């Protein structure tokens, strides 16, 4: 299972013949894509009113993961570890990463923060 970050979705939406779109399509066809709740909200909030209902319907076909108390506790511990390593991450990225880590899944992102999270052992990244 691969948690696909907003950055990849946006790249795929912008260029349907691009590398990200082609690989994302393959992952979707193989039922390998998971959606973190923050990514779902970011995608829906960035969609036009005209496209939002179609996007919502399409995203509803994907397994979507929501934070629980354990997720927030994990984030809390990550904040201390990241700070000790000299990193600061946004709450949305931390939440996406924690949801993926809880499922023992990798994160595919074009955002370098996930690479830094992987470097300090929080999660695995996916490189197509």
Foldseek 3Di string as FASTA:
>chain_A
DEEEALQLVVVCVVDVPDPSNVVVVVCVVVLNYAYEVLRLVVVLVPDDPVCNVVSVVVNVVHHYDYDDPVLVVLLVVVQVLQVVVPDDDDPSVSSSLSRCVVVLHAYEHPDCVSVVCVVSPSHHHDDD
